[in-house]
Amino acid sequence: MARATRISATRKRKKKFLKRAKGFWGGRHRLYRTARETVQRALAFATRDRRKRKRAFRNLWVIRINAACRKNGVSYSKFMAGLRHAQVTLDRKSLADIAVRDGQAFKELVELAKKK
């Protein structure tokens, strides 16, 4: 009979995948091969979706800023160009937050952008 070597390393590697597969349905959390496949797939999706989330939030901020701009009688592109010329360095996240929470302050920003 051949001598088994590196058993602890194999067990550790398998346990790592099975631990990550906790909560998966059926054999996907019990059987090593299916658990490994599912975990690798899940990690790939997680990596992809971290980048997707950044795009989605930027899109949301642009939509919110655009809606607030239209309310104040200016287009999004003209507003952003006006802010750039006025040397206002607020990012879209903070502009969207101002648009949602403080309409008066956003109105002042729109006036500033219109002047420039």
N, C-alpha and C. Protein backbone atom coordinates (compact mmCIF):
# COMPACT_ATOMS: atom_id res chain seq x y z
N MET A 1 0.84 -1.18 0.00
CA MET A 1 0.00 0.00 0.00
C MET A 1 0.88 1.24 0.00
N ALA A 2 0.51 2.20 -0.84
CA ALA A 2 1.29 3.43 -0.96
C ALA A 2 1.09 4.31 0.27
N ARG A 3 2.13 5.00 0.61
CA ARG A 3 2.06 5.88 1.77
C ARG A 3 1.36 7.19 1.40
N ALA A 4 0.37 7.58 2.18
CA ALA A 4 -0.35 8.82 1.91
C ALA A 4 0.46 10.00 2.43
N THR A 5 0.71 10.97 1.54
CA THR A 5 1.46 12.16 1.96
C THR A 5 0.61 13.40 1.74
N ARG A 6 0.91 14.42 2.44
CA ARG A 6 0.25 15.74 2.32
C ARG A 6 -1.27 15.67 2.56
N ILE A 7 -1.68 14.78 3.44
CA ILE A 7 -3.11 14.66 3.74
C ILE A 7 -3.64 15.93 4.39
N SER A 8 -2.86 16.47 5.32
CA SER A 8 -3.34 17.67 6.01
C SER A 8 -3.49 18.84 5.06
N ALA A 9 -2.59 18.94 4.07
CA ALA A 9 -2.68 20.03 3.10
C ALA A 9 -3.92 19.88 2.23
N THR A 10 -4.20 18.64 1.82
CA THR A 10 -5.39 18.38 0.99
C THR A 10 -6.66 18.69 1.78
N ARG A 11 -6.68 18.22 3.03
CA ARG A 11 -7.86 18.45 3.88
C ARG A 11 -8.09 19.95 4.08
N LYS A 12 -6.99 20.67 4.30
CA LYS A 12 -7.08 22.12 4.52
C LYS A 12 -7.62 22.83 3.28
N ARG A 13 -7.11 22.42 2.11
CA ARG A 13 -7.56 23.03 0.85
C ARG A 13 -9.05 22.77 0.60
N LYS A 14 -9.46 21.52 0.86
CA LYS A 14 -10.87 21.16 0.65
C LYS A 14 -11.77 21.88 1.65
N LYS A 15 -11.31 21.94 2.88
CA LYS A 15 -12.10 22.58 3.94
C LYS A 15 -12.32 24.07 3.65
N LYS A 16 -11.30 24.68 3.03
CA LYS A 16 -11.39 26.11 2.70
C LYS A 16 -12.54 26.36 1.72
N PHE A 17 -12.64 25.50 0.71
CA PHE A 17 -13.73 25.64 -0.26
C PHE A 17 -15.08 25.32 0.37
N LEU A 18 -15.14 24.25 1.17
CA LEU A 18 -16.41 23.85 1.78
C LEU A 18 -16.90 24.91 2.77
N LYS A 19 -15.96 25.57 3.41
CA LYS A 19 -16.32 26.65 4.35
C LYS A 19 -16.96 27.82 3.59
N ARG A 20 -16.38 28.15 2.42
CA ARG A 20 -16.92 29.24 1.61
C ARG A 20 -18.25 28.89 0.98
N ALA A 21 -18.52 27.58 0.83
CA ALA A 21 -19.75 27.12 0.19
C ALA A 21 -20.90 26.99 1.18
N LYS A 22 -20.69 27.40 2.40
CA LYS A 22 -21.72 27.31 3.44
C LYS A 22 -22.95 28.12 3.02
N GLY A 23 -24.11 27.50 3.10
CA GLY A 23 -25.34 28.18 2.73
C GLY A 23 -25.78 27.89 1.31
N PHE A 24 -24.92 27.24 0.52
CA PHE A 24 -25.32 26.86 -0.83
C PHE A 24 -26.29 25.69 -0.75
N TRP A 25 -27.08 25.50 -1.80
CA TRP A 25 -28.15 24.53 -1.81
C TRP A 25 -27.65 23.14 -2.20
N GLY A 26 -28.17 22.11 -1.54
CA GLY A 26 -27.90 20.71 -1.92
C GLY A 26 -26.45 20.33 -1.80
N GLY A 27 -25.97 19.58 -2.79
CA GLY A 27 -24.60 19.09 -2.77
C GLY A 27 -23.58 20.17 -2.96
N ARG A 28 -24.04 21.35 -3.34
CA ARG A 28 -23.11 22.45 -3.57
C ARG A 28 -22.39 22.89 -2.29
N HIS A 29 -22.92 22.54 -1.14
CA HIS A 29 -22.19 22.87 0.09
C HIS A 29 -21.63 21.62 0.76
N ARG A 30 -21.96 20.44 0.22
CA ARG A 30 -21.53 19.19 0.82
C ARG A 30 -20.43 18.48 0.04
N LEU A 31 -20.53 18.50 -1.28
CA LEU A 31 -19.61 17.74 -2.12
C LEU A 31 -18.50 18.65 -2.61
N TYR A 32 -17.27 18.19 -2.46
CA TYR A 32 -16.12 19.05 -2.73
C TYR A 32 -16.10 19.58 -4.16
N ARG A 33 -16.28 18.71 -5.15
CA ARG A 33 -16.12 19.14 -6.54
C ARG A 33 -17.16 20.20 -6.91
N THR A 34 -18.42 19.94 -6.58
CA THR A 34 -19.46 20.92 -6.93
C THR A 34 -19.31 22.19 -6.10
N ALA A 35 -18.88 22.02 -4.85
CA ALA A 35 -18.66 23.20 -4.00
C ALA A 35 -17.56 24.08 -4.58
N ARG A 36 -16.47 23.44 -5.03
CA ARG A 36 -15.35 24.19 -5.61
C ARG A 36 -15.78 24.94 -6.86
N GLU A 37 -16.52 24.26 -7.74
CA GLU A 37 -16.99 24.90 -8.96
C GLU A 37 -17.89 26.09 -8.65
N THR A 38 -18.79 25.89 -7.70
CA THR A 38 -19.74 26.95 -7.36
C THR A 38 -19.05 28.14 -6.70
N VAL A 39 -18.10 27.85 -5.81
CA VAL A 39 -17.36 28.93 -5.13
C VAL A 39 -16.54 29.73 -6.14
N GLN A 40 -15.87 29.05 -7.07
CA GLN A 40 -15.07 29.76 -8.07
C GLN A 40 -15.95 30.63 -8.95
N ARG A 41 -17.11 30.11 -9.29
CA ARG A 41 -18.07 30.89 -10.10
C ARG A 41 -18.57 32.11 -9.31
N ALA A 42 -18.87 31.88 -8.04
CA ALA A 42 -19.35 32.98 -7.18
C ALA A 42 -18.28 34.06 -7.03
N LEU A 43 -17.03 33.65 -6.88
CA LEU A 43 -15.94 34.62 -6.76
C LEU A 43 -15.76 35.43 -8.04
N ALA A 44 -15.94 34.76 -9.18
CA ALA A 44 -15.84 35.46 -10.46
C ALA A 44 -16.95 36.51 -10.58
N PHE A 45 -18.16 36.13 -10.19
CA PHE A 45 -19.28 37.07 -10.23
C PHE A 45 -19.05 38.23 -9.27
N ALA A 46 -18.50 37.93 -8.09
CA ALA A 46 -18.25 38.98 -7.10
C ALA A 46 -17.25 40.00 -7.63
N THR A 47 -16.20 39.49 -8.30
CA THR A 47 -15.18 40.39 -8.87
C THR A 47 -15.81 41.27 -9.94
N ARG A 48 -16.59 40.65 -10.84
CA ARG A 48 -17.24 41.40 -11.93
C ARG A 48 -18.19 42.45 -11.36
N ASP A 49 -18.97 42.05 -10.35
CA ASP A 49 -20.01 42.94 -9.85
C ASP A 49 -19.48 44.07 -8.98
N ARG A 50 -18.27 43.92 -8.44
CA ARG A 50 -17.67 45.06 -7.72
C ARG A 50 -17.42 46.20 -8.70
N ARG A 51 -17.01 45.87 -9.91
CA ARG A 51 -16.81 46.90 -10.93
C ARG A 51 -18.13 47.43 -11.45
N LYS A 52 -19.10 46.53 -11.59
CA LYS A 52 -20.42 46.93 -12.08
C LYS A 52 -21.10 47.91 -11.12
N ARG A 53 -20.90 47.68 -9.81
CA ARG A 53 -21.53 48.53 -8.80
C ARG A 53 -21.05 49.98 -8.93
N LYS A 54 -19.77 50.16 -9.24
CA LYS A 54 -19.24 51.52 -9.42
C LYS A 54 -19.93 52.22 -10.59
N ARG A 55 -20.14 51.46 -11.69
CA ARG A 55 -20.83 52.02 -12.86
C ARG A 55 -22.27 52.38 -12.52
N ALA A 56 -22.92 51.48 -11.80
CA ALA A 56 -24.35 51.66 -11.48
C ALA A 56 -24.55 52.90 -10.60
N PHE A 57 -23.67 53.10 -9.62
CA PHE A 57 -23.80 54.26 -8.75
C PHE A 57 -23.54 55.56 -9.49
N ARG A 58 -22.54 55.56 -10.35
CA ARG A 58 -22.26 56.78 -11.13
C ARG A 58 -23.46 57.12 -12.01
N ASN A 59 -24.07 56.09 -12.61
CA ASN A 59 -25.26 56.27 -13.43
C ASN A 59 -26.41 56.87 -12.62
N LEU A 60 -26.59 56.36 -11.40
CA LEU A 60 -27.64 56.87 -10.51
C LEU A 60 -27.40 58.33 -10.17
N TRP A 61 -26.15 58.68 -9.86
CA TRP A 61 -25.83 60.07 -9.52
C TRP A 61 -26.11 61.00 -10.69
N VAL A 62 -25.75 60.58 -11.90
CA VAL A 62 -25.97 61.40 -13.08
C VAL A 62 -27.47 61.62 -13.29
N ILE A 63 -28.25 60.57 -13.10
CA ILE A 63 -29.71 60.68 -13.25
C ILE A 63 -30.28 61.67 -12.25
N ARG A 64 -29.84 61.59 -11.02
CA ARG A 64 -30.34 62.50 -9.96
C ARG A 64 -29.95 63.95 -10.24
N ILE A 65 -28.70 64.15 -10.66
CA ILE A 65 -28.25 65.51 -10.97
C ILE A 65 -29.04 66.06 -12.15
N ASN A 66 -29.23 65.25 -13.17
CA ASN A 66 -29.97 65.66 -14.36
C ASN A 66 -31.40 66.06 -14.01
N ALA A 67 -32.05 65.27 -13.16
CA ALA A 67 -33.43 65.58 -12.76
C ALA A 67 -33.49 66.93 -12.03
N ALA A 68 -32.53 67.15 -11.13
CA ALA A 68 -32.50 68.41 -10.38
C ALA A 68 -32.17 69.58 -11.30
N CYS A 69 -31.32 69.36 -12.29
CA CYS A 69 -30.97 70.41 -13.25
C CYS A 69 -32.19 70.81 -14.07
N ARG A 70 -32.89 69.81 -14.58
CA ARG A 70 -34.08 70.07 -15.40
C ARG A 70 -35.13 70.84 -14.61
N LYS A 71 -35.21 70.53 -13.32
CA LYS A 71 -36.14 71.24 -12.44
C LYS A 71 -35.79 72.72 -12.36
N ASN A 72 -34.49 73.01 -12.46
CA ASN A 72 -34.01 74.39 -12.38
C ASN A 72 -33.75 75.02 -13.75
N GLY A 73 -34.19 74.36 -14.79
CA GLY A 73 -34.16 74.94 -16.13
C GLY A 73 -32.82 74.93 -16.85
N VAL A 74 -32.02 73.92 -16.62
CA VAL A 74 -30.75 73.80 -17.34
C VAL A 74 -30.49 72.32 -17.60
N SER A 75 -29.79 72.01 -18.69
CA SER A 75 -29.49 70.61 -18.97
C SER A 75 -28.28 70.16 -18.15
N TYR A 76 -28.14 68.85 -18.03
CA TYR A 76 -27.05 68.27 -17.25
C TYR A 76 -25.69 68.68 -17.82
N SER A 77 -25.54 68.57 -19.14
CA SER A 77 -24.24 68.85 -19.76
C SER A 77 -23.85 70.32 -19.60
N LYS A 78 -24.83 71.21 -19.75
CA LYS A 78 -24.55 72.65 -19.58
C LYS A 78 -24.18 72.95 -18.13
N PHE A 79 -24.87 72.29 -17.21
CA PHE A 79 -24.61 72.47 -15.78
C PHE A 79 -23.19 72.03 -15.43
N MET A 80 -22.81 70.85 -15.91
CA MET A 80 -21.48 70.32 -15.59
C MET A 80 -20.38 71.18 -16.25
N ALA A 81 -20.63 71.63 -17.47
CA ALA A 81 -19.66 72.49 -18.15
C ALA A 81 -19.53 73.82 -17.40
N GLY A 82 -20.65 74.37 -16.94
CA GLY A 82 -20.65 75.62 -16.18
C GLY A 82 -19.87 75.49 -14.88
N LEU A 83 -20.05 74.36 -14.20
CA LEU A 83 -19.31 74.13 -12.95
C LEU A 83 -17.81 74.03 -13.22
N ARG A 84 -17.47 73.37 -14.33
CA ARG A 84 -16.06 73.23 -14.68
C ARG A 84 -15.43 74.59 -14.95
N HIS A 85 -16.16 75.46 -15.66
CA HIS A 85 -15.66 76.81 -15.95
C HIS A 85 -15.59 77.66 -14.69
N ALA A 86 -16.50 77.40 -13.75
CA ALA A 86 -16.49 78.14 -12.49
C ALA A 86 -15.48 77.56 -11.50
N GLN A 87 -14.80 76.52 -11.91
CA GLN A 87 -13.79 75.84 -11.10
C GLN A 87 -14.34 75.29 -9.79
N VAL A 88 -15.56 74.74 -9.88
CA VAL A 88 -16.16 74.04 -8.73
C VAL A 88 -15.78 72.58 -8.89
N THR A 89 -15.08 72.03 -7.89
CA THR A 89 -14.56 70.67 -8.02
C THR A 89 -15.34 69.68 -7.14
N LEU A 90 -16.65 69.73 -7.24
CA LEU A 90 -17.47 68.74 -6.53
C LEU A 90 -17.67 67.54 -7.45
N ASP A 91 -17.57 66.35 -6.87
CA ASP A 91 -17.79 65.16 -7.68
C ASP A 91 -19.28 64.86 -7.79
N ARG A 92 -19.62 63.93 -8.67
CA ARG A 92 -21.03 63.63 -8.94
C ARG A 92 -21.75 63.08 -7.72
N LYS A 93 -21.04 62.33 -6.89
CA LYS A 93 -21.65 61.76 -5.69
C LYS A 93 -22.15 62.87 -4.76
N SER A 94 -21.29 63.86 -4.50
CA SER A 94 -21.69 64.94 -3.59
C SER A 94 -22.72 65.86 -4.25
N LEU A 95 -22.62 66.06 -5.57
CA LEU A 95 -23.63 66.88 -6.25
C LEU A 95 -25.00 66.23 -6.18
N ALA A 96 -25.04 64.91 -6.36
CA ALA A 96 -26.32 64.18 -6.27
C ALA A 96 -26.88 64.26 -4.86
N ASP A 97 -26.02 64.18 -3.87
CA ASP A 97 -26.45 64.27 -2.47
C ASP A 97 -27.02 65.65 -2.17
N ILE A 98 -26.36 66.69 -2.67
CA ILE A 98 -26.87 68.05 -2.49
C ILE A 98 -28.21 68.21 -3.20
N ALA A 99 -28.32 67.65 -4.41
CA ALA A 99 -29.56 67.76 -5.19
C ALA A 99 -30.73 67.12 -4.45
N VAL A 100 -30.48 65.99 -3.79
CA VAL A 100 -31.55 65.28 -3.10
C VAL A 100 -31.89 65.94 -1.76
N ARG A 101 -30.87 66.34 -0.99
CA ARG A 101 -31.09 66.81 0.38
C ARG A 101 -31.29 68.32 0.52
N ASP A 102 -30.61 69.10 -0.32
CA ASP A 102 -30.64 70.55 -0.14
C ASP A 102 -30.91 71.24 -1.47
N GLY A 103 -32.17 71.40 -1.80
CA GLY A 103 -32.57 71.98 -3.08
C GLY A 103 -32.10 73.41 -3.26
N GLN A 104 -32.09 74.18 -2.19
CA GLN A 104 -31.69 75.59 -2.25
C GLN A 104 -30.21 75.73 -2.62
N ALA A 105 -29.37 74.92 -1.99
CA ALA A 105 -27.94 74.96 -2.30
C ALA A 105 -27.68 74.54 -3.74
N PHE A 106 -28.44 73.54 -4.21
CA PHE A 106 -28.27 73.10 -5.58
C PHE A 106 -28.69 74.19 -6.55
N LYS A 107 -29.75 74.93 -6.18
CA LYS A 107 -30.22 76.04 -7.02
C LYS A 107 -29.12 77.10 -7.16
N GLU A 108 -28.41 77.37 -6.08
CA GLU A 108 -27.30 78.33 -6.11
C GLU A 108 -26.17 77.83 -7.03
N LEU A 109 -25.92 76.52 -6.98
CA LEU A 109 -24.90 75.96 -7.87
C LEU A 109 -25.32 76.10 -9.33
N VAL A 110 -26.61 75.91 -9.59
CA VAL A 110 -27.12 76.04 -10.97
C VAL A 110 -26.95 77.49 -11.42
N GLU A 111 -27.26 78.45 -10.57
CA GLU A 111 -27.09 79.87 -10.91
C GLU A 111 -25.62 80.19 -11.20
N LEU A 112 -24.74 79.63 -10.39
CA LEU A 112 -23.30 79.83 -10.59
C LEU A 112 -22.86 79.25 -11.94
N ALA A 113 -23.38 78.08 -12.26
CA ALA A 113 -23.04 77.44 -13.54
C ALA A 113 -23.60 78.22 -14.72
N LYS A 114 -24.78 78.80 -14.55
CA LYS A 114 -25.41 79.57 -15.63
C LYS A 114 -24.59 80.84 -15.94
N LYS A 115 -24.06 81.46 -14.88
CA LYS A 115 -23.27 82.67 -15.07
C LYS A 115 -22.03 82.41 -15.92
N LYS A 116 -21.41 81.27 -15.68
CA LYS A 116 -20.17 80.95 -16.38
C LYS A 116 -20.50 80.35 -17.73
